[in-house]
Amino acid sequence: MTGNRMAHPLLLSLANIDSDIRSKGSLRGFVLLALLPIASFIHKKSRVHTLLSDRLVHESLDFVLHPLKIAAAIGVMMSDPVGNLRYCFTPLVAYISDTPEQSLLSGTGPKASPVSTATHKEFGDPFPHPSRTATRTLDDIRRACSAADPNDFEEFLKVAKRYFLNGVHEPFYRNWLLSDPSIFLTPEMLHHFHRLFWDHDVPWCIFALGPDEIDYRFSLVQAPVGYRSFEEGISKLKQVTGRDHRAVQRYIVGVIAGAVPAKFLAAIRFLLDFRYLAQMRRFDDNSLAKLEAALRNFHDNKSAIITAGARRGSNGPINHWEIPKLELLQHVVSSIRNSGPIMQWTADITEHAHVTEIK
């Protein structure tokens, strides 16, 4: 009635609906479950505003998703597409979100991985860290609550920071049977693959070659029919879509070849290999080995990017790899390996079990 109102949409789907159907809005593979409020707070400290906003999201999710929690614990009778009644369970197997929202949902702070025990100093490690399980996070929250009153916002934030928590003391998944952020927070292609490329790989290449040189090289690329061309280059592009991200990825190795050191080129190439391999529809031991090898080879060659002075920030060269999305790539392989046992578990519960996917 008053206008200027915003909300976060909460969408619900089933994991046993084919991804090609879910990805098309007109086929209604997702249904709008709720609109999560975006509130303004009057507290003097902005960090408290963030805390209250995070808690409001979790309280809203806790309220809206309560029926699914009951169904996950004791089951519920549902009809299948042909009208047969099935005894169904609804564990949460996937929550589709970007990196900041994943930290919000898991209850971790920005300097910690939402799915592993890695902290910001370890984001560039060439090996996966142990999973940050729901049990571990809930134990840390209990320790923080025993050290400070959750309603004393500023003091509780200080204590929560020691455990790399965001200050949410009652995460929505705490009483959802078998729901674990390290499992249901799955990699998301747009943000974790294509945005990682655009926010990091592309600036590395621009700094290595210079904006004029890379734009000139892109202008010379003869694009195949049906593929996008970049006649004016890429250094000045704004409001770039995921489709553009993919188009640039098709050309980037050929564009920078011969103008950067061999190890620099290899690092970019192996990251691209990883992204393409990670989007396969089915995996076996051989394809998983190739996926792991691509990420391992990137880490073996990534020092060339810093040596070339291509990793830069607003204050000059950066000599570390504290990139949250880079650490999340280590989680891709473990997610693929874990997906089989999860789906097998849902099949073993009953003849037909529904599993929940949220966006």
Protein backbone atom coordinates (compact mmCIF):
# COMPACT_ATOMS: atom_id res chain seq x y z
CA MET A 1 0.00 0.00 0.00
CA THR A 2 2.88 2.42 0.74
CA GLY A 3 5.45 1.36 -1.88
CA ASN A 4 9.22 1.05 -1.52
CA ARG A 5 8.92 -2.34 0.19
CA MET A 6 11.49 -5.10 -0.29
CA ALA A 7 11.65 -8.76 0.75
CA HIS A 8 13.73 -11.87 0.14
CA PRO A 9 11.73 -14.56 -1.72
CA LEU A 10 11.96 -18.08 -0.30
CA LEU A 11 11.38 -20.69 -3.01
CA LEU A 12 10.70 -24.38 -2.46
CA SER A 13 11.25 -27.33 -4.78
CA LEU A 14 11.91 -31.08 -4.74
CA ALA A 15 15.31 -32.54 -5.51
CA ASN A 16 13.75 -35.34 -7.58
CA ILE A 17 12.49 -32.82 -10.17
CA ASP A 18 14.84 -32.71 -13.16
CA SER A 19 17.14 -29.67 -13.13
CA ASP A 20 16.13 -28.71 -16.69
CA ILE A 21 12.55 -28.30 -15.45
CA ARG A 22 13.49 -26.46 -12.25
CA SER A 23 15.64 -23.95 -14.14
CA LYS A 24 12.70 -22.76 -16.27
CA GLY A 25 10.45 -20.39 -14.36
CA SER A 26 7.48 -21.00 -16.65
CA LEU A 27 7.42 -24.71 -15.66
CA ARG A 28 6.97 -23.79 -11.98
CA GLY A 29 9.55 -26.19 -10.59
CA PHE A 30 9.85 -23.78 -7.66
CA VAL A 31 6.93 -22.40 -5.66
CA LEU A 32 7.02 -19.20 -3.63
CA LEU A 33 6.88 -20.32 -0.02
CA ALA A 34 7.33 -16.99 1.80
CA LEU A 35 8.68 -13.47 1.60
CA LEU A 36 11.37 -12.95 4.24
CA PRO A 37 11.27 -9.40 5.66
CA ILE A 38 14.04 -6.82 5.24
CA ALA A 39 13.82 -4.67 8.35
CA SER A 40 15.50 -1.46 9.55
CA PHE A 41 16.74 -1.24 13.13
CA ILE A 42 17.26 1.76 15.42
CA HIS A 43 20.28 0.51 17.38
CA LYS A 44 23.25 2.89 17.24
CA LYS A 45 25.81 0.26 16.12
CA SER A 46 25.72 -0.96 12.52
CA ARG A 47 27.23 -4.33 13.49
CA VAL A 48 24.23 -4.89 15.76
CA HIS A 49 21.92 -4.11 12.82
CA THR A 50 23.61 -6.95 10.93
CA LEU A 51 23.22 -9.29 13.90
CA LEU A 52 19.51 -8.51 14.29
CA SER A 53 18.92 -8.87 10.56
CA ASP A 54 20.64 -12.30 10.55
CA ARG A 55 18.59 -13.45 13.53
CA LEU A 56 15.37 -12.27 11.89
CA VAL A 57 16.13 -14.39 8.80
CA HIS A 58 16.72 -17.50 10.93
CA GLU A 59 13.61 -16.90 13.04
CA SER A 60 11.52 -16.46 9.89
CA LEU A 61 12.94 -19.66 8.35
CA ASP A 62 12.36 -21.50 11.62
CA PHE A 63 8.69 -20.50 11.61
CA VAL A 64 7.98 -21.06 7.91
CA LEU A 65 9.80 -24.41 7.61
CA HIS A 66 8.44 -25.93 10.82
CA PRO A 67 6.02 -28.31 9.00
CA LEU A 68 8.89 -29.69 6.91
CA LYS A 69 10.87 -30.37 10.09
CA ILE A 70 7.98 -32.43 11.48
CA ALA A 71 7.69 -34.35 8.21
CA ALA A 72 11.44 -35.03 8.23
CA ALA A 73 11.20 -36.49 11.74
CA ILE A 74 8.00 -38.57 11.65
CA GLY A 75 6.95 -38.59 7.98
CA VAL A 76 3.76 -37.46 6.28
CA MET A 77 1.34 -39.01 3.77
CA MET A 78 1.56 -37.36 0.34
CA SER A 79 0.17 -38.23 -3.08
CA ASP A 80 2.46 -38.91 -6.04
CA PRO A 81 1.75 -37.62 -9.60
CA VAL A 82 -0.58 -40.54 -10.36
CA GLY A 83 -2.58 -40.24 -7.13
CA ASN A 84 -0.99 -42.98 -5.00
CA LEU A 85 -0.41 -42.15 -1.34
CA ARG A 86 3.22 -42.33 -0.21
CA TYR A 87 4.78 -42.15 3.23
CA CYS A 88 7.27 -39.30 2.71
CA PHE A 89 10.08 -37.58 4.59
CA THR A 90 11.49 -34.13 3.87
CA PRO A 91 15.15 -33.74 4.82
CA LEU A 92 16.84 -30.59 3.56
CA VAL A 93 19.37 -31.63 0.91
CA ALA A 94 20.10 -28.34 -0.89
CA TYR A 95 19.80 -24.63 -0.16
CA ILE A 96 20.71 -22.61 -3.25
CA SER A 97 22.40 -19.34 -2.24
CA ASP A 98 25.41 -17.13 -2.89
CA THR A 99 28.51 -16.97 -0.67
CA PRO A 100 27.41 -14.25 1.83
CA GLU A 101 24.03 -15.94 2.26
CA GLN A 102 25.72 -19.29 2.86
CA SER A 103 27.65 -17.74 5.76
CA LEU A 104 24.39 -16.25 7.08
CA LEU A 105 22.59 -19.60 6.91
CA SER A 106 25.39 -21.65 8.48
CA GLY A 107 25.84 -19.15 11.32
CA THR A 108 29.50 -18.44 10.54
CA GLY A 109 31.28 -15.13 10.19
CA PRO A 110 32.79 -13.72 6.97
CA LYS A 111 36.29 -14.88 7.91
CA ALA A 112 35.33 -18.55 8.09
CA SER A 113 34.11 -21.04 5.54
CA PRO A 114 30.41 -21.94 5.91
CA VAL A 115 31.08 -25.57 4.99
CA SER A 116 34.53 -26.38 6.36
CA THR A 117 36.76 -25.56 9.33
CA ALA A 118 38.98 -23.32 7.17
CA THR A 119 39.38 -19.67 8.20
CA HIS A 120 40.45 -16.73 6.05
CA LYS A 121 44.17 -17.49 6.42
CA GLU A 122 43.53 -20.99 5.00
CA PHE A 123 41.26 -20.14 2.04
CA GLY A 124 44.15 -20.64 -0.39
CA ASP A 125 45.26 -24.05 0.93
CA PRO A 126 45.66 -26.70 -1.80
CA PHE A 127 43.79 -29.34 0.20
CA PRO A 128 40.27 -29.66 1.66
CA HIS A 129 39.72 -28.96 5.34
CA PRO A 130 37.38 -31.07 7.51
CA SER A 131 33.69 -30.27 7.17
CA ARG A 132 32.16 -27.75 9.53
CA THR A 133 29.36 -29.97 10.75
CA ALA A 134 26.15 -28.75 12.33
CA THR A 135 27.22 -30.40 15.58
CA ARG A 136 30.44 -28.40 15.70
CA THR A 137 28.70 -25.10 14.96
CA LEU A 138 25.97 -25.74 17.54
CA ASP A 139 28.62 -26.66 20.14
CA ASP A 140 30.44 -23.38 19.44
CA ILE A 141 27.17 -21.48 19.79
CA ARG A 142 26.51 -23.14 23.16
CA ARG A 143 29.98 -22.15 24.36
CA ALA A 144 29.40 -18.57 23.24
CA CYS A 145 26.01 -18.48 24.99
CA SER A 146 27.58 -19.71 28.23
CA ALA A 147 30.20 -16.95 28.04
CA ALA A 148 27.81 -14.09 27.23
CA ASP A 149 24.09 -13.38 27.18
CA PRO A 150 22.77 -13.58 23.59
CA ASN A 151 20.51 -10.62 24.34
CA ASP A 152 23.54 -8.49 25.24
CA PHE A 153 24.23 -7.91 21.55
CA GLU A 154 27.59 -6.13 21.64
CA GLU A 155 29.15 -8.42 24.24
CA PHE A 156 27.80 -11.55 22.56
CA LEU A 157 29.22 -10.43 19.21
CA LYS A 158 32.67 -10.14 20.78
CA VAL A 159 32.45 -13.70 22.12
CA ALA A 160 30.95 -15.08 18.88
CA LYS A 161 33.82 -13.58 16.89
CA ARG A 162 36.28 -15.81 18.76
CA TYR A 163 34.48 -18.86 17.38
CA PHE A 164 34.08 -17.33 13.87
CA LEU A 165 30.29 -17.09 14.35
CA ASN A 166 27.94 -14.36 13.10
CA GLY A 167 25.98 -14.08 16.38
CA VAL A 168 22.91 -16.15 15.48
CA HIS A 169 22.22 -18.23 18.60
CA GLU A 170 19.26 -20.27 17.29
CA PRO A 171 20.00 -21.34 13.68
CA PHE A 172 16.98 -22.62 11.79
CA TYR A 173 18.53 -26.05 11.08
CA ARG A 174 19.22 -26.90 14.75
CA ASN A 175 16.08 -29.07 15.08
CA TRP A 176 15.76 -30.26 11.45
CA LEU A 177 16.62 -33.96 11.41
CA LEU A 178 19.81 -34.78 9.46
CA SER A 179 20.10 -31.22 8.13
CA ASP A 180 23.72 -30.08 8.05
CA PRO A 181 25.06 -26.90 6.37
CA SER A 182 28.17 -28.74 5.21
CA ILE A 183 25.82 -30.94 3.14
CA PHE A 184 22.86 -28.79 2.11
CA LEU A 185 24.97 -25.73 1.18
CA THR A 186 25.92 -26.98 -2.25
CA PRO A 187 28.08 -25.13 -4.82
CA GLU A 188 26.13 -22.69 -6.99
CA MET A 189 27.35 -22.30 -10.58
CA LEU A 190 26.55 -18.64 -11.18
CA HIS A 191 28.22 -17.27 -8.04
CA HIS A 192 30.85 -19.90 -7.22
CA PHE A 193 32.01 -20.59 -10.80
CA HIS A 194 31.13 -17.76 -13.19
CA ARG A 195 31.32 -14.89 -10.68
CA LEU A 196 34.60 -16.26 -9.33
CA PHE A 197 35.96 -16.14 -12.87
CA TRP A 198 34.72 -12.60 -13.51
CA ASP A 199 35.75 -11.17 -10.12
CA HIS A 200 39.21 -12.77 -10.00
CA ASP A 201 40.44 -14.53 -13.15
CA VAL A 202 39.52 -11.64 -15.46
CA PRO A 203 41.18 -8.91 -13.32
CA TRP A 204 44.32 -11.08 -13.09
CA CYS A 205 44.47 -11.23 -16.88
CA ILE A 206 43.73 -7.51 -17.29
CA PHE A 207 46.49 -6.52 -14.86
CA ALA A 208 48.92 -8.95 -16.49
CA LEU A 209 48.38 -7.67 -20.05
CA GLY A 210 47.04 -4.19 -19.48
CA PRO A 211 43.47 -3.12 -20.37
CA ASP A 212 44.37 -1.78 -23.83
CA GLU A 213 46.23 -4.92 -24.86
CA ILE A 214 43.57 -7.37 -23.68
CA ASP A 215 40.81 -5.30 -25.31
CA TYR A 216 42.77 -5.26 -28.59
CA ARG A 217 43.25 -9.03 -28.46
CA PHE A 218 39.54 -9.62 -27.80
CA SER A 219 38.65 -7.35 -30.73
CA LEU A 220 40.66 -9.65 -33.04
CA VAL A 221 38.88 -12.84 -31.97
CA GLN A 222 36.80 -14.32 -34.80
CA ALA A 223 33.72 -15.53 -32.95
CA PRO A 224 31.96 -18.63 -34.33
CA VAL A 225 28.37 -18.25 -35.51
CA GLY A 226 26.06 -18.11 -32.49
CA TYR A 227 28.82 -17.01 -30.09
CA ARG A 228 29.22 -13.52 -28.71
CA SER A 229 32.00 -11.27 -29.94
CA PHE A 230 33.71 -8.49 -27.96
CA GLU A 231 34.71 -5.93 -30.58
CA GLU A 232 35.41 -3.26 -27.94
CA GLY A 233 37.08 -5.61 -25.46
CA ILE A 234 36.05 -6.53 -21.93
CA SER A 235 37.88 -4.16 -19.57
CA LYS A 236 35.07 -1.57 -19.59
CA LEU A 237 32.07 -3.91 -19.52
CA LYS A 238 29.39 -3.15 -16.92
CA GLN A 239 26.28 -5.03 -15.77
CA VAL A 240 27.70 -8.26 -17.17
CA THR A 241 25.42 -11.30 -17.07
CA GLY A 242 26.24 -14.95 -16.46
CA ARG A 243 25.93 -15.56 -20.21
CA ASP A 244 28.68 -12.98 -20.79
CA HIS A 245 30.84 -14.63 -18.13
CA ARG A 246 30.64 -17.90 -20.02
CA ALA A 247 31.39 -16.22 -23.34
CA VAL A 248 34.57 -14.63 -22.00
CA GLN A 249 35.66 -17.97 -20.56
CA ARG A 250 35.53 -19.50 -24.05
CA TYR A 251 38.16 -17.09 -25.37
CA ILE A 252 40.33 -16.08 -22.41
CA VAL A 253 43.04 -18.76 -22.72
CA GLY A 254 43.58 -18.05 -26.42
CA VAL A 255 43.56 -14.29 -25.81
CA ILE A 256 46.29 -14.28 -23.14
CA ALA A 257 48.42 -17.05 -24.66
CA GLY A 258 51.92 -15.79 -25.53
CA ALA A 259 51.55 -12.67 -23.37
CA VAL A 260 51.80 -14.23 -19.91
CA PRO A 261 54.22 -16.72 -18.31
CA ALA A 262 53.50 -20.40 -18.95
CA LYS A 263 52.56 -21.10 -15.32
CA PHE A 264 50.21 -18.09 -15.28
CA LEU A 265 48.46 -19.45 -18.37
CA ALA A 266 48.33 -22.93 -16.82
CA ALA A 267 46.72 -21.60 -13.62
CA ILE A 268 43.94 -19.88 -15.60
CA ARG A 269 43.48 -22.92 -17.82
CA PHE A 270 43.22 -25.41 -14.93
CA LEU A 271 40.61 -23.27 -13.15
CA LEU A 272 38.58 -23.27 -16.37
CA ASP A 273 39.01 -27.04 -16.64
CA PHE A 274 37.71 -27.40 -13.10
CA ARG A 275 34.61 -25.30 -13.81
CA TYR A 276 33.73 -27.22 -16.96
CA LEU A 277 34.30 -30.63 -15.36
CA ALA A 278 32.29 -29.68 -12.24
CA GLN A 279 29.20 -29.09 -14.40
CA MET A 280 29.02 -32.68 -15.65
CA ARG A 281 25.66 -34.34 -15.16
CA ARG A 282 27.14 -37.62 -13.90
CA PHE A 283 30.40 -38.50 -12.20
CA ASP A 284 32.42 -41.67 -11.82
CA ASP A 285 35.81 -42.30 -10.19
CA ASN A 286 37.63 -41.28 -13.37
CA SER A 287 35.83 -37.95 -13.77
CA LEU A 288 36.23 -37.17 -10.07
CA ALA A 289 39.97 -37.83 -10.37
CA LYS A 290 40.16 -35.36 -13.29
CA LEU A 291 38.23 -32.79 -11.26
CA GLU A 292 40.59 -33.10 -8.32
CA ALA A 293 43.64 -33.01 -10.60
CA ALA A 294 42.49 -29.75 -12.23
CA LEU A 295 42.17 -28.00 -8.87
CA ARG A 296 45.47 -29.44 -7.66
CA ASN A 297 47.26 -28.24 -10.81
CA PHE A 298 45.87 -24.73 -10.32
CA HIS A 299 47.35 -24.59 -6.83
CA ASP A 300 50.67 -25.87 -8.18
CA ASN A 301 50.83 -22.94 -10.64
CA LYS A 302 48.98 -20.13 -8.84
CA SER A 303 52.17 -18.51 -7.47
CA ALA A 304 52.85 -17.22 -11.01
CA ILE A 305 49.81 -14.92 -10.70
CA ILE A 306 51.23 -13.17 -7.63
CA THR A 307 54.75 -13.15 -9.13
CA ALA A 308 53.35 -11.33 -12.18
CA GLY A 309 51.76 -8.72 -9.88
CA ALA A 310 48.34 -9.54 -11.30
CA ARG A 311 46.58 -10.11 -7.99
CA ARG A 312 45.73 -6.57 -6.89
CA GLY A 313 43.32 -4.69 -4.72
CA SER A 314 42.40 -1.05 -4.26
CA ASN A 315 45.56 -0.55 -2.17
CA GLY A 316 47.99 -2.27 -4.52
CA PRO A 317 49.40 -5.80 -4.93
CA ILE A 318 47.96 -8.64 -2.80
CA ASN A 319 50.25 -11.45 -1.72
CA HIS A 320 47.74 -13.88 -0.25
CA TRP A 321 44.85 -16.09 -1.42
CA GLU A 322 42.14 -15.19 1.08
CA ILE A 323 39.32 -15.75 -1.43
CA PRO A 324 36.23 -17.46 0.08
CA LYS A 325 34.97 -18.76 -3.27
CA LEU A 326 38.38 -20.34 -3.94
CA GLU A 327 38.13 -22.38 -0.75
CA LEU A 328 34.59 -23.43 -1.66
CA LEU A 329 35.95 -25.16 -4.77
CA GLN A 330 37.49 -27.72 -2.43
CA HIS A 331 33.96 -28.44 -1.24
CA VAL A 332 32.73 -29.24 -4.76
CA VAL A 333 34.39 -32.66 -4.89
CA SER A 334 33.24 -33.59 -1.38
CA SER A 335 29.68 -32.51 -2.24
CA ILE A 336 29.69 -34.78 -5.27
CA ARG A 337 31.05 -37.69 -3.25
CA ASN A 338 28.45 -37.14 -0.50
CA SER A 339 25.47 -36.78 -2.83
CA GLY A 340 25.30 -40.53 -3.50
CA PRO A 341 24.97 -41.64 0.14
CA ILE A 342 22.41 -38.93 0.88
CA MET A 343 20.12 -39.92 -1.97
CA GLN A 344 20.58 -43.59 -1.13
CA TRP A 345 19.58 -42.83 2.46
CA THR A 346 16.36 -41.17 1.31
CA ALA A 347 15.58 -44.18 -0.87
CA ASP A 348 16.17 -46.59 2.00
CA ILE A 349 13.78 -44.81 4.38
CA THR A 350 10.72 -45.75 2.37
CA GLU A 351 9.69 -46.67 -1.12
CA HIS A 352 9.38 -43.03 -2.14
CA ALA A 353 10.81 -40.18 -0.07
CA HIS A 354 10.58 -36.52 -1.00
CA VAL A 355 13.66 -34.41 -0.37
CA THR A 356 13.54 -30.65 -0.06
CA GLU A 357 15.42 -28.04 -2.05
CA ILE A 358 15.21 -24.36 -1.14
CA LYS A 359 16.32 -21.25 -2.93
